C-alpha atoms as a PDB file:
ATOM      1  CA  MET A   1      45.940 -46.142  18.999  1.00  0.00           C
ATOM      2  CA  SER A   2      48.538 -49.220  18.753  1.00  0.00           C
ATOM      3  CA  VAL A   3      46.638 -52.234  20.275  1.00  0.00           C
ATOM      4  CA  ALA A   4      48.402 -55.016  22.222  1.00  0.00           C
ATOM      5  CA  PRO A   5      47.468 -58.407  20.026  1.00  0.00           C
ATOM      6  CA  SER A   6      46.313 -59.997  23.321  1.00  0.00           C
ATOM      7  CA  CYS A   7      44.356 -56.806  23.690  1.00  0.00           C
ATOM      8  CA  ASP A   8      42.507 -56.848  20.117  1.00  0.00           C
ATOM      9  CA  ASP A   9      39.552 -57.678  19.733  1.00  0.00           C
ATOM     10  CA  GLN A  10      40.221 -61.088  19.154  1.00  0.00           C
ATOM     11  CA  GLY A  11      41.952 -60.919  22.059  1.00  0.00           C
ATOM     12  CA  LEU A  12      39.176 -60.434  23.985  1.00  0.00           C
ATOM     13  CA  ARG A  13      36.905 -62.922  22.351  1.00  0.00           C
ATOM     14  CA  ASP A  14      39.588 -65.503  23.058  1.00  0.00           C
ATOM     15  CA  GLU A  15      39.948 -64.981  26.810  1.00  0.00           C
ATOM     16  CA  ALA A  16      36.225 -64.695  26.352  1.00  0.00           C
ATOM     17  CA  ARG A  17      35.463 -67.687  24.809  1.00  0.00           C
ATOM     18  CA  GLY A  18      38.195 -69.045  27.287  1.00  0.00           C
ATOM     19  CA  VAL A  19      35.623 -68.021  30.573  1.00  0.00           C
ATOM     20  CA  SER A  20      32.801 -69.213  28.515  1.00  0.00           C
ATOM     21  CA  GLU A  21      34.369 -73.396  28.351  1.00  0.00           C
ATOM     22  CA  ARG A  22      34.637 -72.453  32.137  1.00  0.00           C
ATOM     23  CA  LEU A  23      31.386 -71.857  32.912  1.00  0.00           C
ATOM     24  CA  MET A  24      30.076 -74.397  30.959  1.00  0.00           C
ATOM     25  CA  GLN A  25      31.983 -76.880  32.361  1.00  0.00           C
ATOM     26  CA  ALA A  26      31.299 -75.456  36.044  1.00  0.00           C
ATOM     27  CA  GLY A  27      27.470 -75.402  35.173  1.00  0.00           C
ATOM     28  CA  TRP A  28      27.917 -71.737  36.338  1.00  0.00           C
ATOM     29  CA  GLN A  29      26.108 -68.195  35.332  1.00  0.00           C
ATOM     30  CA  LEU A  30      27.717 -64.998  34.771  1.00  0.00           C
ATOM     31  CA  VAL A  31      26.829 -61.799  35.609  1.00  0.00           C
ATOM     32  CA  THR A  32      28.730 -58.516  35.713  1.00  0.00           C
ATOM     33  CA  ALA A  33      28.780 -55.015  37.565  1.00  0.00           C
ATOM     34  CA  GLU A  34      30.974 -52.488  35.679  1.00  0.00           C
ATOM     35  CA  SER A  35      31.497 -48.767  35.946  1.00  0.00           C
ATOM     36  CA  CYS A  36      34.915 -47.576  33.993  1.00  0.00           C
ATOM     37  CA  THR A  37      34.416 -50.687  31.456  1.00  0.00           C
ATOM     38  CA  GLY A  38      30.731 -49.284  30.456  1.00  0.00           C
ATOM     39  CA  GLY A  39      29.883 -52.927  29.813  1.00  0.00           C
ATOM     40  CA  TRP A  40      32.579 -53.952  27.727  1.00  0.00           C
ATOM     41  CA  VAL A  41      33.102 -56.994  29.495  1.00  0.00           C
ATOM     42  CA  ALA A  42      29.429 -57.948  29.100  1.00  0.00           C
ATOM     43  CA  LYS A  43      29.682 -56.752  25.153  1.00  0.00           C
ATOM     44  CA  THR A  44      32.514 -59.097  24.553  1.00  0.00           C
ATOM     45  CA  CYS A  45      30.792 -61.735  26.515  1.00  0.00           C
ATOM     46  CA  THR A  46      27.570 -61.329  24.606  1.00  0.00           C
ATOM     47  CA  ASP A  47      29.233 -61.283  21.185  1.00  0.00           C
ATOM     48  CA  LEU A  48      30.331 -64.583  21.518  1.00  0.00           C
ATOM     49  CA  PRO A  49      27.655 -67.418  19.872  1.00  0.00           C
ATOM     50  CA  GLY A  50      25.810 -69.622  22.366  1.00  0.00           C
ATOM     51  CA  SER A  51      26.066 -66.591  25.180  1.00  0.00           C
ATOM     52  CA  SER A  52      23.043 -67.000  26.681  1.00  0.00           C
ATOM     53  CA  GLY A  53      24.084 -70.684  27.921  1.00  0.00           C
ATOM     54  CA  TRP A  54      26.890 -69.349  30.520  1.00  0.00           C
ATOM     55  CA  PHE A  55      26.080 -65.328  30.735  1.00  0.00           C
ATOM     56  CA  ASP A  56      23.048 -64.080  32.691  1.00  0.00           C
ATOM     57  CA  SER A  57      23.433 -60.302  32.848  1.00  0.00           C
ATOM     58  CA  GLY A  58      25.579 -57.132  33.540  1.00  0.00           C
ATOM     59  CA  VAL A  59      24.336 -54.259  35.268  1.00  0.00           C
ATOM     60  CA  VAL A  60      26.501 -50.521  34.241  1.00  0.00           C
ATOM     61  CA  SER A  61      26.350 -48.499  37.392  1.00  0.00           C
ATOM     62  CA  TYR A  62      28.485 -45.758  36.504  1.00  0.00           C
ATOM     63  CA  SER A  63      27.230 -43.264  38.772  1.00  0.00           C
ATOM     64  CA  ASN A  64      27.702 -43.783  42.813  1.00  0.00           C
ATOM     65  CA  LEU A  65      23.837 -43.559  42.938  1.00  0.00           C
ATOM     66  CA  ALA A  66      22.936 -46.285  40.215  1.00  0.00           C
ATOM     67  CA  LYS A  67      26.478 -48.394  42.569  1.00  0.00           C
ATOM     68  CA  ALA A  68      23.861 -47.693  45.479  1.00  0.00           C
ATOM     69  CA  ARG A  69      20.539 -47.999  44.162  1.00  0.00           C
ATOM     70  CA  LEU A  70      21.273 -51.445  41.731  1.00  0.00           C
ATOM     71  CA  LEU A  71      24.210 -53.134  43.699  1.00  0.00           C
ATOM     72  CA  GLY A  72      23.575 -52.164  46.968  1.00  0.00           C
ATOM     73  CA  VAL A  73      26.617 -50.583  47.561  1.00  0.00           C
ATOM     74  CA  GLU A  74      26.731 -48.671  50.898  1.00  0.00           C
ATOM     75  CA  ARG A  75      26.871 -45.561  50.626  1.00  0.00           C
ATOM     76  CA  ALA A  76      29.337 -45.146  53.556  1.00  0.00           C
ATOM     77  CA  THR A  77      31.758 -47.821  51.486  1.00  0.00           C
ATOM     78  CA  ILE A  78      32.156 -45.256  48.854  1.00  0.00           C
ATOM     79  CA  ALA A  79      32.464 -42.276  51.300  1.00  0.00           C
ATOM     80  CA  LYS A  80      34.991 -43.975  53.188  1.00  0.00           C
ATOM     81  CA  TYR A  81      37.252 -45.788  50.245  1.00  0.00           C
ATOM     82  CA  GLY A  82      35.865 -43.875  47.697  1.00  0.00           C
ATOM     83  CA  ALA A  83      33.811 -45.166  44.297  1.00  0.00           C
ATOM     84  CA  VAL A  84      37.595 -46.502  42.914  1.00  0.00           C
ATOM     85  CA  SER A  85      38.634 -48.864  45.148  1.00  0.00           C
ATOM     86  CA  GLN A  86      38.974 -52.386  46.229  1.00  0.00           C
ATOM     87  CA  GLU A  87      35.894 -52.513  48.927  1.00  0.00           C
ATOM     88  CA  THR A  88      33.579 -50.677  46.513  1.00  0.00           C
ATOM     89  CA  ALA A  89      34.751 -53.463  43.861  1.00  0.00           C
ATOM     90  CA  ALA A  90      34.196 -56.105  46.232  1.00  0.00           C
ATOM     91  CA  ALA A  91      30.795 -54.993  47.244  1.00  0.00           C
ATOM     92  CA  MET A  92      29.567 -54.545  43.689  1.00  0.00           C
ATOM     93  CA  VAL A  93      30.138 -58.274  43.196  1.00  0.00           C
ATOM     94  CA  ARG A  94      28.661 -58.869  46.255  1.00  0.00           C
ATOM     95  CA  GLY A  95      25.728 -56.723  44.988  1.00  0.00           C
ATOM     96  CA  ILE A  96      25.431 -58.283  41.935  1.00  0.00           C
ATOM     97  CA  VAL A  97      25.452 -62.081  42.851  1.00  0.00           C
ATOM     98  CA  SER A  98      23.425 -61.835  45.507  1.00  0.00           C
ATOM     99  CA  MET A  99      20.968 -63.717  43.639  1.00  0.00           C
ATOM    100  CA  PRO A 100      21.114 -67.244  44.022  1.00  0.00           C
ATOM    101  CA  THR A 101      20.899 -68.863  40.608  1.00  0.00           C
ATOM    102  CA  LEU A 102      23.977 -66.312  39.637  1.00  0.00           C
ATOM    103  CA  GLN A 103      27.103 -68.282  40.914  1.00  0.00           C
ATOM    104  CA  ALA A 104      29.983 -65.900  39.009  1.00  0.00           C
ATOM    105  CA  GLY A 105      30.738 -62.054  39.234  1.00  0.00           C
ATOM    106  CA  LEU A 106      33.153 -60.009  38.320  1.00  0.00           C
ATOM    107  CA  ALA A 107      32.993 -55.960  38.853  1.00  0.00           C
ATOM    108  CA  THR A 108      34.913 -52.995  37.821  1.00  0.00           C
ATOM    109  CA  THR A 109      35.600 -49.513  38.771  1.00  0.00           C
ATOM    110  CA  GLY A 110      38.298 -47.396  37.613  1.00  0.00           C
ATOM    111  CA  ILE A 111      39.212 -43.962  35.908  1.00  0.00           C
ATOM    112  CA  ALA A 112      39.671 -44.377  32.595  1.00  0.00           C
ATOM    113  CA  GLY A 113      40.603 -40.494  32.162  1.00  0.00           C
ATOM    114  CA  PRO A 114      41.824 -38.217  30.629  1.00  0.00           C
ATOM    115  CA  SER A 115      40.734 -36.662  34.030  1.00  0.00           C
ATOM    116  CA  GLY A 116      39.717 -37.271  37.269  1.00  0.00           C
ATOM    117  CA  GLY A 117      42.725 -38.614  39.024  1.00  0.00           C
ATOM    118  CA  SER A 118      44.642 -37.582  41.942  1.00  0.00           C
ATOM    119  CA  ASP A 119      47.655 -38.299  43.297  1.00  0.00           C
ATOM    120  CA  ASP A 120      45.478 -40.998  45.455  1.00  0.00           C
ATOM    121  CA  LYS A 121      43.778 -42.526  42.479  1.00  0.00           C
ATOM    122  CA  PRO A 122      45.545 -41.661  39.362  1.00  0.00           C
ATOM    123  CA  VAL A 123      44.205 -42.073  35.664  1.00  0.00           C
ATOM    124  CA  GLY A 124      44.883 -45.534  34.632  1.00  0.00           C
ATOM    125  CA  LEU A 125      43.826 -47.218  38.292  1.00  0.00           C
ATOM    126  CA  VAL A 126      40.939 -49.600  37.788  1.00  0.00           C
ATOM    127  CA  CYS A 127      39.360 -51.765  41.062  1.00  0.00           C
ATOM    128  CA  PHE A 128      38.583 -55.182  40.239  1.00  0.00           C
ATOM    129  CA  ALA A 129      36.541 -57.950  42.148  1.00  0.00           C
ATOM    130  CA  TRP A 130      35.449 -61.524  41.118  1.00  0.00           C
ATOM    131  CA  ALA A 131      33.088 -64.138  42.906  1.00  0.00           C
ATOM    132  CA  LEU A 132      32.980 -67.677  42.694  1.00  0.00           C
ATOM    133  CA  PRO A 133      30.585 -70.026  44.681  1.00  0.00           C
ATOM    134  CA  GLY A 134      32.024 -71.159  48.158  1.00  0.00           C
ATOM    135  CA  ARG A 135      34.828 -68.742  47.878  1.00  0.00           C
ATOM    136  CA  ALA A 136      36.327 -66.007  49.235  1.00  0.00           C
ATOM    137  CA  CYS A 137      35.761 -62.939  47.186  1.00  0.00           C
ATOM    138  CA  VAL A 138      39.062 -61.408  45.309  1.00  0.00           C
ATOM    139  CA  THR A 139      39.892 -58.052  44.780  1.00  0.00           C
ATOM    140  CA  GLU A 140      42.514 -56.728  43.091  1.00  0.00           C
ATOM    141  CA  ALA A 141      43.753 -52.622  42.027  1.00  0.00           C
ATOM    142  CA  VAL A 142      45.719 -52.132  38.894  1.00  0.00           C
ATOM    143  CA  LYS A 143      47.361 -49.055  37.083  1.00  0.00           C
ATOM    144  CA  PHE A 144      47.170 -49.275  33.455  1.00  0.00           C
ATOM    145  CA  ALA A 145      48.657 -47.322  30.985  1.00  0.00           C
ATOM    146  CA  GLY A 146      47.364 -45.075  27.926  1.00  0.00           C
ATOM    147  CA  ASP A 147      44.731 -43.434  26.436  1.00  0.00           C
ATOM    148  CA  ARG A 148      41.098 -43.597  27.841  1.00  0.00           C
ATOM    149  CA  GLU A 149      40.170 -46.465  25.347  1.00  0.00           C
ATOM    150  CA  ALA A 150      43.048 -48.089  25.999  1.00  0.00           C
ATOM    151  CA  ILE A 151      42.662 -47.954  29.807  1.00  0.00           C
ATOM    152  CA  ARG A 152      39.325 -49.585  29.476  1.00  0.00           C
ATOM    153  CA  ARG A 153      40.578 -52.222  26.816  1.00  0.00           C
ATOM    154  CA  GLN A 154      43.143 -53.581  29.147  1.00  0.00           C
ATOM    155  CA  SER A 155      40.557 -53.491  31.903  1.00  0.00           C
ATOM    156  CA  VAL A 156      38.700 -55.683  30.267  1.00  0.00           C
ATOM    157  CA  LEU A 157      41.398 -57.908  29.328  1.00  0.00           C
ATOM    158  CA  HIS A 158      42.297 -58.397  32.719  1.00  0.00           C
ATOM    159  CA  ALA A 159      38.659 -59.295  34.299  1.00  0.00           C
ATOM    160  CA  LEU A 160      38.695 -61.949  31.982  1.00  0.00           C
ATOM    161  CA  GLU A 161      42.040 -63.380  32.153  1.00  0.00           C
ATOM    162  CA  ARG A 162      41.622 -63.111  36.066  1.00  0.00           C
ATOM    163  CA  LEU A 163      38.481 -64.833  35.915  1.00  0.00           C
ATOM    164  CA  ARG A 164      39.594 -67.578  33.530  1.00  0.00           C
ATOM    165  CA  GLU A 165      42.379 -68.176  36.375  1.00  0.00           C
ATOM    166  CA  LEU A 166      40.052 -68.198  39.161  1.00  0.00           C
ATOM    167  CA  LEU A 167      37.774 -70.589  37.451  1.00  0.00           C
ATOM    168  CA  ASP A 168      40.839 -73.108  36.616  1.00  0.00           C
ATOM    169  CA  GLU A 169      41.386 -73.246  40.339  1.00  0.00           C
ATOM    170  CA  ALA A 170      37.620 -73.779  41.168  1.00  0.00           C
ATOM    171  CA  LEU A 171      37.396 -76.153  38.678  1.00  0.00           C
ATOM    172  CA  SER A 172      40.702 -77.839  40.025  1.00  0.00           C
ATOM    173  CA  ALA A 173      39.891 -78.485  43.502  1.00  0.00           C
ATOM    174  CA  ILE A 174      36.229 -79.463  42.660  1.00  0.00           C
ATOM    175  CA  ASN A 175      37.723 -82.558  40.585  1.00  0.00           C
ATOM    176  CA  HIS A 176      40.330 -83.202  43.552  1.00  0.00           C
END
């Protein structure tokens, strides 16, 4: 499999480093709630030396039952919108950041394939949610191309890139 340079292991580490710098600047801890990425965001973050200073924890909630049990996602949300939806991703991130000392969170849920897709929710569809203190939850759905590995790798990169952007916005607002 050919991987775009920004999506290779070094690109993922570079993006995680950018997130870490901003989290440390803000004095915030990060938590992750991951489904389709299977803990890859947390792994990328904790691969960095010193990550214990800004990374608190990650939950892999692959099944719908785990999303409900570990993150408090209402079964009605999953029934109405599906496990792969911006609504479920938002509920996942709200569940993971519910502890008062945890300020920044991100969630991923999607269909990495090769099977499991439908016309409404094709393979490659990944829903994200990000939460930061004093800011509204941000959600997004993105359709990635490629095989299972490529979809998951692109999902990790996107989750970290967008978190870095949101941290930049939050820090800019704090500093002005």
